[in-house]
Amino acid sequence: MRAMSRFWRVDKALKDSEGLGWIRERLGAYDWSKVDWISVRRGRSEKYAFRGVCKMPRSGGGYRINCNVSKHAAYPIYQYMRVSPLYRNPDGTWPEVPEDHKVGDLYVAARSIGESVQWKRLYRPLELRSEDEVLVFLVAHEAFHYLRKTKQVEGRHGEIEADAFALKTLEHYRGGSNFTKAPTHGRR
């Protein structure tokens, strides 16, 4: 297994972050041999409080995970994250929207001749109280993409599942949990 310290590229301003140290320790339990690097930077974006990407391998290289937290972010950060959608019932009605959730766009997909399925995107509120919480959530989210593609965690691969994984990981961090491997369940 690759030495974790060799491929972590961390901005000097973030190297002593409690949240980053916590998530790095938890991720150390996984196999990172197919990753070229995980970078965590403090950026200057005034538009995005944080953002990240897990780039798939190409041209013989490995996966590359890049995370960026803006120095302009004001905490706490409130945002909506996607969760499993609402599917229209066979009788044409819609299920009740969970409390504090927001409904998004309507989608329709054909199933078979004359049949279709309809769903609406669903979003739940997320509060990130500090830069440490953002780092835990963001790094866990991007790590999920790699871990799922390499079959180290179960579930489907997608943004909803990556957010669910990151949220579970954040809940462990908030609760002071000292788990070795992050939860493997994708959907809630």
Protein backbone atom coordinates (compact mmCIF):
# COMPACT_ATOMS: atom_id res chain seq x y z
CA MET A 1 0.00 0.00 0.00
CA ARG A 2 1.21 3.49 -0.86
CA ALA A 3 2.46 5.71 1.96
CA MET A 4 -0.37 8.15 2.68
CA SER A 5 1.95 11.08 3.43
CA ARG A 6 3.63 10.84 0.03
CA PHE A 7 0.64 11.72 -2.09
CA TRP A 8 -1.26 14.13 0.17
CA ARG A 9 -0.65 17.63 -1.18
CA VAL A 10 -1.92 19.97 1.51
CA ASP A 11 -1.79 23.76 1.51
CA LYS A 12 0.42 25.04 4.35
CA ALA A 13 -2.55 27.03 5.69
CA LEU A 14 -4.52 23.78 6.16
CA LYS A 15 -1.82 21.36 7.32
CA ASP A 16 -2.79 21.66 11.01
CA SER A 17 -6.55 21.41 10.42
CA GLU A 18 -8.23 19.09 12.94
CA GLY A 19 -10.90 18.03 10.43
CA LEU A 20 -8.39 17.28 7.70
CA GLY A 21 -6.23 15.29 10.12
CA TRP A 22 -9.29 13.33 11.23
CA ILE A 23 -10.45 12.41 7.71
CA ARG A 24 -6.89 11.58 6.58
CA GLU A 25 -6.57 9.13 9.47
CA ARG A 26 -9.91 7.47 8.61
CA LEU A 27 -9.11 7.21 4.90
CA GLY A 28 -5.77 5.57 5.69
CA ALA A 29 -7.63 2.27 6.17
CA TYR A 30 -8.36 2.05 2.42
CA ASP A 31 -6.18 1.08 -0.55
CA TRP A 32 -5.00 4.25 -2.34
CA SER A 33 -2.56 2.53 -4.71
CA LYS A 34 -4.46 3.71 -7.81
CA VAL A 35 -4.36 7.39 -6.78
CA ASP A 36 -1.65 9.78 -7.99
CA TRP A 37 -2.53 12.40 -5.37
CA ILE A 38 -5.07 13.98 -3.09
CA SER A 39 -4.65 17.75 -3.01
CA VAL A 40 -6.32 20.02 -0.47
CA ARG A 41 -5.89 23.72 -1.13
CA ARG A 42 -7.12 27.00 0.25
CA GLY A 43 -8.48 28.92 -2.71
CA ARG A 44 -9.59 32.46 -3.43
CA SER A 45 -13.01 31.83 -4.95
CA GLU A 46 -15.65 34.32 -3.87
CA LYS A 47 -18.34 32.32 -5.68
CA TYR A 48 -17.76 28.85 -4.20
CA ALA A 49 -17.12 28.20 -0.51
CA PHE A 50 -15.70 24.80 -1.47
CA ARG A 51 -15.46 22.48 -4.44
CA GLY A 52 -13.74 19.31 -5.46
CA VAL A 53 -13.26 16.73 -8.16
CA CYS A 54 -12.15 13.12 -8.45
CA LYS A 55 -10.56 12.76 -11.87
CA MET A 56 -10.66 9.30 -13.38
CA PRO A 57 -7.42 7.77 -14.73
CA ARG A 58 -6.30 8.61 -18.24
CA SER A 59 -3.13 8.30 -20.28
CA GLY A 60 -1.72 5.68 -17.92
CA GLY A 61 -2.00 7.85 -14.81
CA GLY A 62 -4.01 7.22 -11.69
CA TYR A 63 -6.97 8.88 -10.04
CA ARG A 64 -6.47 12.48 -8.91
CA ILE A 65 -8.53 14.02 -6.14
CA ASN A 66 -8.51 17.80 -5.82
CA CYS A 67 -10.30 19.69 -3.03
CA ASN A 68 -10.48 23.45 -2.60
CA VAL A 69 -11.81 25.49 0.34
CA SER A 70 -12.19 29.24 -0.15
CA LYS A 71 -10.43 31.62 2.22
CA HIS A 72 -13.48 33.90 1.77
CA ALA A 73 -15.98 31.39 3.18
CA ALA A 74 -18.04 32.61 6.13
CA TYR A 75 -19.22 29.97 8.60
CA PRO A 76 -21.59 28.40 9.13
CA ILE A 77 -22.31 27.52 5.49
CA TYR A 78 -25.86 26.54 4.57
CA GLN A 79 -26.55 24.68 1.38
CA TYR A 80 -28.90 22.08 -0.03
CA MET A 81 -27.62 18.65 -0.99
CA ARG A 82 -29.36 16.18 -3.27
CA VAL A 83 -30.96 13.12 -1.74
CA SER A 84 -32.92 10.24 -3.27
CA PRO A 85 -35.73 11.67 -5.42
CA LEU A 86 -39.48 11.53 -4.91
CA TYR A 87 -41.11 9.06 -7.30
CA ARG A 88 -44.72 9.53 -8.39
CA ASN A 89 -47.02 6.84 -6.99
CA PRO A 90 -48.83 4.48 -9.41
CA ASP A 91 -52.12 6.25 -8.57
CA GLY A 92 -50.65 9.56 -9.83
CA THR A 93 -50.15 11.16 -6.41
CA TRP A 94 -46.84 12.28 -4.99
CA PRO A 95 -45.36 11.17 -1.66
CA GLU A 96 -45.17 13.74 1.09
CA VAL A 97 -42.08 15.93 1.04
CA PRO A 98 -39.97 15.35 4.18
CA GLU A 99 -39.78 18.26 6.59
CA ASP A 100 -37.14 20.90 5.74
CA HIS A 101 -36.62 19.39 2.26
CA LYS A 102 -36.96 21.30 -0.98
CA VAL A 103 -38.41 19.89 -4.23
CA GLY A 104 -36.60 20.46 -7.52
CA ASP A 105 -37.30 19.76 -11.18
CA LEU A 106 -39.65 17.09 -12.56
CA TYR A 107 -38.19 14.32 -14.74
CA VAL A 108 -39.85 11.65 -16.89
CA ALA A 109 -38.28 8.48 -18.30
CA ALA A 110 -39.86 5.85 -20.52
CA ARG A 111 -39.87 2.34 -19.02
CA SER A 112 -41.62 0.29 -21.67
CA ILE A 113 -44.27 0.88 -24.31
CA GLY A 114 -46.82 3.25 -22.82
CA GLU A 115 -45.21 3.27 -19.38
CA SER A 116 -43.04 5.89 -17.78
CA VAL A 117 -41.65 6.82 -14.41
CA GLN A 118 -41.76 10.33 -13.03
CA TRP A 119 -39.65 11.78 -10.27
CA LYS A 120 -38.76 15.09 -8.71
CA ARG A 121 -35.36 16.01 -7.41
CA LEU A 122 -35.26 16.36 -3.65
CA TYR A 123 -32.84 18.44 -1.58
CA ARG A 124 -32.17 18.52 2.13
CA PRO A 125 -30.50 21.30 4.08
CA LEU A 126 -26.92 20.91 5.19
CA GLU A 127 -25.14 23.12 7.69
CA LEU A 128 -21.36 23.07 7.72
CA ARG A 129 -20.32 24.88 10.90
CA SER A 130 -16.59 25.34 10.29
CA GLU A 131 -13.75 24.89 7.86
CA ASP A 132 -12.94 21.60 9.61
CA GLU A 133 -16.45 20.30 8.85
CA VAL A 134 -16.16 21.43 5.23
CA LEU A 135 -12.87 19.57 4.89
CA VAL A 136 -14.31 16.37 6.35
CA PHE A 137 -17.40 16.54 4.12
CA LEU A 138 -15.56 17.57 0.94
CA VAL A 139 -12.67 15.10 1.19
CA ALA A 140 -15.06 12.25 2.11
CA HIS A 141 -17.34 13.13 -0.84
CA GLU A 142 -14.50 13.11 -3.38
CA ALA A 143 -12.89 10.03 -1.80
CA PHE A 144 -16.20 8.18 -2.19
CA HIS A 145 -15.96 8.48 -5.99
CA TYR A 146 -12.59 6.70 -5.94
CA LEU A 147 -13.61 4.16 -3.30
CA ARG A 148 -16.78 3.25 -5.20
CA LYS A 149 -15.01 3.00 -8.58
CA THR A 150 -12.45 0.67 -7.01
CA LYS A 151 -15.22 -1.31 -5.27
CA GLN A 152 -13.97 -0.56 -1.75
CA VAL A 153 -17.41 0.65 -0.69
CA GLU A 154 -20.84 -0.68 -1.67
CA GLY A 155 -23.65 1.06 -3.49
CA ARG A 156 -24.25 3.00 -6.64
CA HIS A 157 -21.84 5.58 -7.95
CA GLY A 158 -23.25 9.10 -8.12
CA GLU A 159 -23.50 12.49 -6.46
CA ILE A 160 -26.40 11.51 -4.20
CA GLU A 161 -24.44 8.53 -2.89
CA ALA A 162 -21.23 10.55 -2.51
CA ASP A 163 -23.12 13.18 -0.49
CA ALA A 164 -24.72 10.47 1.67
CA PHE A 165 -21.29 8.92 2.34
CA ALA A 166 -19.84 12.35 3.17
CA LEU A 167 -22.77 13.19 5.46
CA LYS A 168 -22.42 9.91 7.39
CA THR A 169 -18.69 10.58 7.72
CA LEU A 170 -19.37 14.13 8.93
CA GLU A 171 -21.86 12.80 11.49
CA HIS A 172 -19.14 10.47 12.83
CA TYR A 173 -16.74 13.42 13.04
CA ARG A 174 -19.31 15.57 14.85
CA GLY A 175 -20.08 12.73 17.24
CA GLY A 176 -16.44 12.19 18.12
CA SER A 177 -16.53 8.71 16.61
CA ASN A 178 -13.22 6.97 16.11
CA PHE A 179 -14.32 4.55 13.39
CA THR A 180 -11.62 2.98 11.24
CA LYS A 181 -13.48 2.75 7.95
CA ALA A 182 -16.21 5.09 6.85
CA PRO A 183 -19.74 3.71 6.36
CA THR A 184 -20.29 1.82 3.11
CA HIS A 185 -23.98 2.44 2.54
CA GLY A 186 -24.71 4.84 -0.35
CA ARG A 187 -28.43 5.58 -0.26
CA ARG A 188 -30.45 6.52 2.77
